[in-house]
Amino acid sequence: ATQAVRLDRNHAEAQLVLALIYQNMNNFNMAAKHYSRVKKLAPNDPLVANAYGTFLCAEKRYAEADSEFKVAASSIMNPSPWVASTNAGLCLESSGQFALAKASMRQALQQNPDYMPAKKGLERLRKR
């Protein structure tokens, strides 16, 4: 991915891969740099929005994360919108917004009734 970015700074997929790698390495400054770049290159890409939402949630930037998850979950280009809906629910749960978190988990299950992370999330939230 680094070599791809060296060859073409506008390679969105490589920028996303680098953002994810840096995020997993807990190098949040470099992750933020690459997320910023990929958001400019692919502003409507649902996979980018979902990944960036998880980053923002980890940074406790909950409102921004929620906006990204909504973009990802509502995109007709997203092959798995239930993942973004579930991630939105997990982030809302982290921020203490349990009613909204339940609604997001329910939305995920409407999109894919068999998606186990959403089932487990909703079950956990029902116990609150």
N, C-alpha and C. Protein backbone atom coordinates (compact mmCIF):
# COMPACT_ATOMS: atom_id res chain seq x y z
N ALA A 1 0.83 -1.19 0.00
CA ALA A 1 0.00 0.00 0.00
C ALA A 1 0.87 1.26 0.00
N THR A 2 1.95 1.21 0.76
CA THR A 2 2.84 2.38 0.80
C THR A 2 3.43 2.65 -0.57
N GLN A 3 3.84 1.58 -1.25
CA GLN A 3 4.41 1.75 -2.59
C GLN A 3 3.35 2.26 -3.56
N ALA A 4 2.13 1.77 -3.44
CA ALA A 4 1.05 2.24 -4.32
C ALA A 4 0.80 3.73 -4.11
N VAL A 5 0.85 4.18 -2.87
CA VAL A 5 0.65 5.61 -2.58
C VAL A 5 1.83 6.42 -3.11
N ARG A 6 3.03 5.85 -3.02
CA ARG A 6 4.19 6.56 -3.58
C ARG A 6 4.04 6.75 -5.09
N LEU A 7 3.51 5.71 -5.75
CA LEU A 7 3.33 5.78 -7.19
C LEU A 7 2.15 6.66 -7.58
N ASP A 8 1.11 6.62 -6.76
CA ASP A 8 -0.10 7.40 -7.06
C ASP A 8 -0.74 7.84 -5.76
N ARG A 9 -0.50 9.07 -5.39
CA ARG A 9 -1.04 9.63 -4.14
C ARG A 9 -2.56 9.64 -4.14
N ASN A 10 -3.17 9.55 -5.32
CA ASN A 10 -4.63 9.58 -5.44
C ASN A 10 -5.24 8.18 -5.52
N HIS A 11 -4.51 7.18 -5.10
CA HIS A 11 -5.01 5.80 -5.09
C HIS A 11 -5.82 5.60 -3.81
N ALA A 12 -7.14 5.69 -3.94
CA ALA A 12 -8.02 5.67 -2.76
C ALA A 12 -7.90 4.39 -1.96
N GLU A 13 -7.89 3.24 -2.63
CA GLU A 13 -7.83 1.97 -1.91
C GLU A 13 -6.54 1.86 -1.09
N ALA A 14 -5.43 2.30 -1.67
CA ALA A 14 -4.16 2.25 -0.94
C ALA A 14 -4.19 3.19 0.26
N GLN A 15 -4.79 4.36 0.09
CA GLN A 15 -4.91 5.30 1.21
C GLN A 15 -5.74 4.67 2.34
N LEU A 16 -6.82 3.98 1.97
CA LEU A 16 -7.67 3.33 2.97
C LEU A 16 -6.90 2.22 3.69
N VAL A 17 -6.18 1.41 2.94
CA VAL A 17 -5.40 0.33 3.55
C VAL A 17 -4.39 0.91 4.54
N LEU A 18 -3.70 1.96 4.15
CA LEU A 18 -2.74 2.58 5.06
C LEU A 18 -3.43 3.15 6.30
N ALA A 19 -4.58 3.76 6.12
CA ALA A 19 -5.33 4.28 7.28
C ALA A 19 -5.66 3.15 8.25
N LEU A 20 -6.13 2.03 7.71
CA LEU A 20 -6.49 0.89 8.56
C LEU A 20 -5.26 0.30 9.25
N ILE A 21 -4.16 0.20 8.51
CA ILE A 21 -2.93 -0.33 9.11
C ILE A 21 -2.47 0.57 10.25
N TYR A 22 -2.41 1.86 10.01
CA TYR A 22 -1.98 2.78 11.07
C TYR A 22 -2.95 2.76 12.25
N GLN A 23 -4.23 2.65 11.97
CA GLN A 23 -5.21 2.57 13.05
C GLN A 23 -4.96 1.33 13.90
N ASN A 24 -4.71 0.19 13.25
CA ASN A 24 -4.46 -1.05 13.98
C ASN A 24 -3.14 -1.02 14.75
N MET A 25 -2.22 -0.17 14.31
CA MET A 25 -0.94 -0.01 15.00
C MET A 25 -1.02 1.07 16.08
N ASN A 26 -2.22 1.62 16.28
CA ASN A 26 -2.45 2.70 17.25
C ASN A 26 -1.65 3.97 16.92
N ASN A 27 -1.34 4.15 15.65
CA ASN A 27 -0.69 5.38 15.20
C ASN A 27 -1.81 6.26 14.63
N PHE A 28 -2.52 6.91 15.54
CA PHE A 28 -3.74 7.61 15.15
C PHE A 28 -3.49 8.86 14.33
N ASN A 29 -2.33 9.49 14.52
CA ASN A 29 -2.03 10.67 13.70
C ASN A 29 -1.87 10.30 12.23
N MET A 30 -1.13 9.22 11.97
CA MET A 30 -0.95 8.79 10.58
C MET A 30 -2.26 8.23 10.02
N ALA A 31 -3.02 7.53 10.84
CA ALA A 31 -4.32 7.03 10.38
C ALA A 31 -5.21 8.19 9.98
N ALA A 32 -5.25 9.23 10.80
CA ALA A 32 -6.08 10.40 10.50
C ALA A 32 -5.65 11.05 9.20
N LYS A 33 -4.35 11.12 8.97
CA LYS A 33 -3.83 11.70 7.73
C LYS A 33 -4.34 10.94 6.51
N HIS A 34 -4.29 9.62 6.57
CA HIS A 34 -4.71 8.80 5.43
C HIS A 34 -6.24 8.77 5.29
N TYR A 35 -6.95 8.77 6.41
CA TYR A 35 -8.41 8.87 6.31
C TYR A 35 -8.82 10.19 5.68
N SER A 36 -8.16 11.25 6.07
CA SER A 36 -8.48 12.56 5.49
C SER A 36 -8.28 12.54 3.98
N ARG A 37 -7.21 11.93 3.56
CA ARG A 37 -6.92 11.86 2.12
C ARG A 37 -7.95 10.99 1.39
N VAL A 38 -8.26 9.83 1.94
CA VAL A 38 -9.18 8.93 1.25
C VAL A 38 -10.60 9.51 1.22
N LYS A 39 -10.97 10.26 2.26
CA LYS A 39 -12.30 10.89 2.25
C LYS A 39 -12.40 11.93 1.13
N LYS A 40 -11.30 12.60 0.82
CA LYS A 40 -11.30 13.56 -0.29
C LYS A 40 -11.35 12.83 -1.63
N LEU A 41 -10.70 11.68 -1.71
CA LEU A 41 -10.64 10.93 -2.96
C LEU A 41 -11.93 10.16 -3.23
N ALA A 42 -12.56 9.66 -2.17
CA ALA A 42 -13.76 8.83 -2.32
C ALA A 42 -14.80 9.24 -1.28
N PRO A 43 -15.35 10.45 -1.40
CA PRO A 43 -16.24 10.97 -0.35
C PRO A 43 -17.54 10.20 -0.16
N ASN A 44 -17.98 9.47 -1.17
CA ASN A 44 -19.26 8.76 -1.08
C ASN A 44 -19.10 7.24 -1.00
N ASP A 45 -17.89 6.77 -0.84
CA ASP A 45 -17.64 5.33 -0.78
C ASP A 45 -18.12 4.80 0.58
N PRO A 46 -19.08 3.88 0.60
CA PRO A 46 -19.62 3.40 1.87
C PRO A 46 -18.60 2.63 2.71
N LEU A 47 -17.67 1.94 2.07
CA LEU A 47 -16.67 1.20 2.83
C LEU A 47 -15.70 2.16 3.52
N VAL A 48 -15.37 3.25 2.85
CA VAL A 48 -14.54 4.29 3.45
C VAL A 48 -15.29 4.93 4.62
N ALA A 49 -16.55 5.25 4.40
CA ALA A 49 -17.35 5.89 5.45
C ALA A 49 -17.45 4.99 6.68
N ASN A 50 -17.66 3.69 6.47
CA ASN A 50 -17.76 2.77 7.60
C ASN A 50 -16.43 2.68 8.35
N ALA A 51 -15.34 2.53 7.62
CA ALA A 51 -14.03 2.45 8.27
C ALA A 51 -13.70 3.74 9.01
N TYR A 52 -13.96 4.86 8.38
CA TYR A 52 -13.68 6.15 9.02
C TYR A 52 -14.57 6.33 10.25
N GLY A 53 -15.80 5.85 10.17
CA GLY A 53 -16.69 5.91 11.33
C GLY A 53 -16.14 5.14 12.52
N THR A 54 -15.57 3.97 12.27
CA THR A 54 -14.99 3.20 13.38
C THR A 54 -13.79 3.94 13.98
N PHE A 55 -13.02 4.58 13.12
CA PHE A 55 -11.88 5.38 13.61
C PHE A 55 -12.37 6.53 14.47
N LEU A 56 -13.36 7.27 13.98
CA LEU A 56 -13.89 8.41 14.72
C LEU A 56 -14.49 7.98 16.05
N CYS A 57 -15.17 6.84 16.05
CA CYS A 57 -15.75 6.34 17.30
C CYS A 57 -14.66 6.01 18.31
N ALA A 58 -13.59 5.38 17.85
CA ALA A 58 -12.47 5.05 18.74
C ALA A 58 -11.84 6.32 19.31
N GLU A 59 -11.93 7.40 18.57
CA GLU A 59 -11.41 8.69 19.01
C GLU A 59 -12.44 9.46 19.85
N LYS A 60 -13.58 8.81 20.12
CA LYS A 60 -14.68 9.40 20.89
C LYS A 60 -15.28 10.63 20.21
N ARG A 61 -15.22 10.65 18.91
CA ARG A 61 -15.84 11.71 18.11
C ARG A 61 -17.16 11.14 17.59
N TYR A 62 -18.07 10.94 18.54
CA TYR A 62 -19.28 10.16 18.30
C TYR A 62 -20.21 10.76 17.25
N ALA A 63 -20.45 12.04 17.28
CA ALA A 63 -21.37 12.65 16.31
C ALA A 63 -20.83 12.52 14.89
N GLU A 64 -19.53 12.73 14.73
CA GLU A 64 -18.93 12.58 13.40
C GLU A 64 -18.99 11.13 12.95
N ALA A 65 -18.73 10.22 13.87
CA ALA A 65 -18.79 8.79 13.55
C ALA A 65 -20.19 8.41 13.10
N ASP A 66 -21.20 8.90 13.82
CA ASP A 66 -22.58 8.58 13.47
C ASP A 66 -22.91 9.06 12.06
N SER A 67 -22.43 10.22 11.70
CA SER A 67 -22.66 10.74 10.34
C SER A 67 -22.05 9.82 9.29
N GLU A 68 -20.85 9.33 9.56
CA GLU A 68 -20.18 8.43 8.61
C GLU A 68 -20.94 7.11 8.50
N PHE A 69 -21.38 6.57 9.64
CA PHE A 69 -22.12 5.31 9.60
C PHE A 69 -23.43 5.46 8.83
N LYS A 70 -24.09 6.60 8.98
CA LYS A 70 -25.33 6.84 8.25
C LYS A 70 -25.08 6.88 6.75
N VAL A 71 -24.00 7.51 6.33
CA VAL A 71 -23.63 7.52 4.91
C VAL A 71 -23.43 6.09 4.42
N ALA A 72 -22.67 5.31 5.19
CA ALA A 72 -22.37 3.93 4.79
C ALA A 72 -23.62 3.06 4.76
N ALA A 73 -24.45 3.17 5.78
CA ALA A 73 -25.63 2.30 5.89
C ALA A 73 -26.69 2.63 4.85
N SER A 74 -26.76 3.87 4.42
CA SER A 74 -27.82 4.26 3.48
C SER A 74 -27.38 4.22 2.02
N SER A 75 -26.13 3.92 1.77
CA SER A 75 -25.63 3.92 0.39
C SER A 75 -26.12 2.70 -0.39
N ILE A 76 -26.65 2.95 -1.57
CA ILE A 76 -27.07 1.83 -2.42
C ILE A 76 -25.85 1.08 -2.98
N MET A 77 -24.68 1.67 -2.83
CA MET A 77 -23.44 1.04 -3.30
C MET A 77 -22.86 0.08 -2.25
N ASN A 78 -23.44 0.06 -1.05
CA ASN A 78 -22.90 -0.76 0.03
C ASN A 78 -23.45 -2.18 -0.07
N PRO A 79 -22.57 -3.17 -0.27
CA PRO A 79 -23.04 -4.55 -0.36
C PRO A 79 -23.46 -5.13 1.00
N SER A 80 -23.06 -4.48 2.09
CA SER A 80 -23.39 -4.99 3.43
C SER A 80 -23.70 -3.83 4.38
N PRO A 81 -24.84 -3.16 4.16
CA PRO A 81 -25.17 -2.01 5.00
C PRO A 81 -25.39 -2.37 6.47
N TRP A 82 -25.72 -3.61 6.74
CA TRP A 82 -25.95 -4.04 8.12
C TRP A 82 -24.68 -3.94 8.96
N VAL A 83 -23.53 -4.03 8.34
CA VAL A 83 -22.27 -3.87 9.09
C VAL A 83 -22.16 -2.43 9.60
N ALA A 84 -22.46 -1.47 8.74
CA ALA A 84 -22.41 -0.06 9.15
C ALA A 84 -23.47 0.23 10.21
N SER A 85 -24.66 -0.34 10.05
CA SER A 85 -25.71 -0.13 11.05
C SER A 85 -25.30 -0.70 12.41
N THR A 86 -24.67 -1.88 12.38
CA THR A 86 -24.19 -2.49 13.62
C THR A 86 -23.08 -1.64 14.24
N ASN A 87 -22.16 -1.18 13.40
CA ASN A 87 -21.09 -0.33 13.92
C ASN A 87 -21.64 0.95 14.52
N ALA A 88 -22.67 1.49 13.89
CA ALA A 88 -23.32 2.69 14.45
C ALA A 88 -23.89 2.36 15.83
N GLY A 89 -24.54 1.20 15.94
CA GLY A 89 -25.09 0.79 17.23
C GLY A 89 -24.03 0.62 18.29
N LEU A 90 -22.92 0.01 17.93
CA LEU A 90 -21.83 -0.18 18.88
C LEU A 90 -21.26 1.16 19.33
N CYS A 91 -21.14 2.09 18.40
CA CYS A 91 -20.61 3.41 18.73
C CYS A 91 -21.60 4.18 19.62
N LEU A 92 -22.86 4.10 19.28
CA LEU A 92 -23.88 4.76 20.11
C LEU A 92 -23.90 4.17 21.52
N GLU A 93 -23.72 2.87 21.60
CA GLU A 93 -23.64 2.22 22.91
C GLU A 93 -22.43 2.75 23.69
N SER A 94 -21.30 2.88 23.02
CA SER A 94 -20.09 3.41 23.67
C SER A 94 -20.30 4.82 24.20
N SER A 95 -21.13 5.58 23.50
CA SER A 95 -21.37 6.96 23.92
C SER A 95 -22.51 7.08 24.93
N GLY A 96 -23.09 5.93 25.31
CA GLY A 96 -24.15 5.94 26.31
C GLY A 96 -25.54 6.21 25.77
N GLN A 97 -25.69 6.21 24.46
CA GLN A 97 -27.00 6.47 23.84
C GLN A 97 -27.68 5.13 23.52
N PHE A 98 -28.17 4.49 24.56
CA PHE A 98 -28.62 3.11 24.46
C PHE A 98 -29.88 2.95 23.61
N ALA A 99 -30.83 3.86 23.70
CA ALA A 99 -32.05 3.74 22.89
C ALA A 99 -31.71 3.85 21.40
N LEU A 100 -30.85 4.79 21.05
CA LEU A 100 -30.44 4.92 19.65
C LEU A 100 -29.61 3.72 19.20
N ALA A 101 -28.81 3.19 20.11
CA ALA A 101 -28.01 2.00 19.80
C ALA A 101 -28.92 0.82 19.47
N LYS A 102 -29.98 0.63 20.26
CA LYS A 102 -30.94 -0.44 19.98
C LYS A 102 -31.58 -0.25 18.62
N ALA A 103 -31.95 0.98 18.29
CA ALA A 103 -32.57 1.26 16.99
C ALA A 103 -31.62 0.91 15.85
N SER A 104 -30.34 1.20 16.01
CA SER A 104 -29.37 0.87 14.97
C SER A 104 -29.20 -0.64 14.83
N MET A 105 -29.19 -1.35 15.95
CA MET A 105 -29.08 -2.81 15.89
C MET A 105 -30.32 -3.41 15.22
N ARG A 106 -31.48 -2.85 15.52
CA ARG A 106 -32.71 -3.33 14.87
C ARG A 106 -32.65 -3.08 13.36
N GLN A 107 -32.14 -1.91 12.99
CA GLN A 107 -32.00 -1.60 11.56
C GLN A 107 -31.08 -2.62 10.89
N ALA A 108 -29.98 -2.95 11.55
CA ALA A 108 -29.05 -3.94 11.00
C ALA A 108 -29.75 -5.28 10.80
N LEU A 109 -30.58 -5.66 11.76
CA LEU A 109 -31.27 -6.94 11.66
C LEU A 109 -32.39 -6.92 10.62
N GLN A 110 -32.94 -5.75 10.34
CA GLN A 110 -33.89 -5.64 9.22
C GLN A 110 -33.15 -5.83 7.90
N GLN A 111 -31.92 -5.35 7.84
CA GLN A 111 -31.12 -5.46 6.62
C GLN A 111 -30.58 -6.88 6.44
N ASN A 112 -30.27 -7.54 7.55
CA ASN A 112 -29.78 -8.92 7.52
C ASN A 112 -30.15 -9.60 8.83
N PRO A 113 -31.28 -10.33 8.83
CA PRO A 113 -31.79 -10.94 10.07
C PRO A 113 -30.84 -11.95 10.72
N ASP A 114 -29.87 -12.45 9.98
CA ASP A 114 -28.96 -13.47 10.50
C ASP A 114 -27.61 -12.91 10.96
N TYR A 115 -27.45 -11.60 10.96
CA TYR A 115 -26.15 -11.02 11.28
C TYR A 115 -25.91 -11.10 12.79
N MET A 116 -25.04 -12.02 13.17
CA MET A 116 -24.82 -12.34 14.58
C MET A 116 -24.30 -11.17 15.42
N PRO A 117 -23.36 -10.34 14.94
CA PRO A 117 -22.94 -9.22 15.79
C PRO A 117 -24.09 -8.28 16.16
N ALA A 118 -25.03 -8.08 15.25
CA ALA A 118 -26.20 -7.23 15.57
C ALA A 118 -27.12 -7.94 16.56
N LYS A 119 -27.30 -9.25 16.38
CA LYS A 119 -28.13 -10.01 17.32
C LYS A 119 -27.55 -9.94 18.73
N LYS A 120 -26.25 -10.15 18.83
CA LYS A 120 -25.59 -10.11 20.15
C LYS A 120 -25.64 -8.71 20.74
N GLY A 121 -25.44 -7.71 19.90
CA GLY A 121 -25.48 -6.32 20.37
C GLY A 121 -26.85 -5.96 20.91
N LEU A 122 -27.89 -6.35 20.18
CA LEU A 122 -29.25 -6.03 20.62
C LEU A 122 -29.57 -6.77 21.91
N GLU A 123 -29.16 -8.02 22.01
CA GLU A 123 -29.40 -8.79 23.23
C GLU A 123 -28.71 -8.13 24.43
N ARG A 124 -27.48 -7.71 24.24
CA ARG A 124 -26.74 -7.04 25.31
C ARG A 124 -27.43 -5.74 25.71
N LEU A 125 -27.90 -5.00 24.73
CA LEU A 125 -28.57 -3.72 25.00
C LEU A 125 -29.91 -3.91 25.70
N ARG A 126 -30.58 -5.00 25.42
CA ARG A 126 -31.88 -5.27 26.08
C ARG A 126 -31.71 -5.49 27.57
N LYS A 127 -30.53 -5.91 27.97
CA LYS A 127 -30.25 -6.16 29.39
C LYS A 127 -29.97 -4.87 30.16
N ARG A 128 -29.85 -3.76 29.47
CA ARG A 128 -29.56 -2.47 30.13
C ARG A 128 -30.83 -1.86 30.66
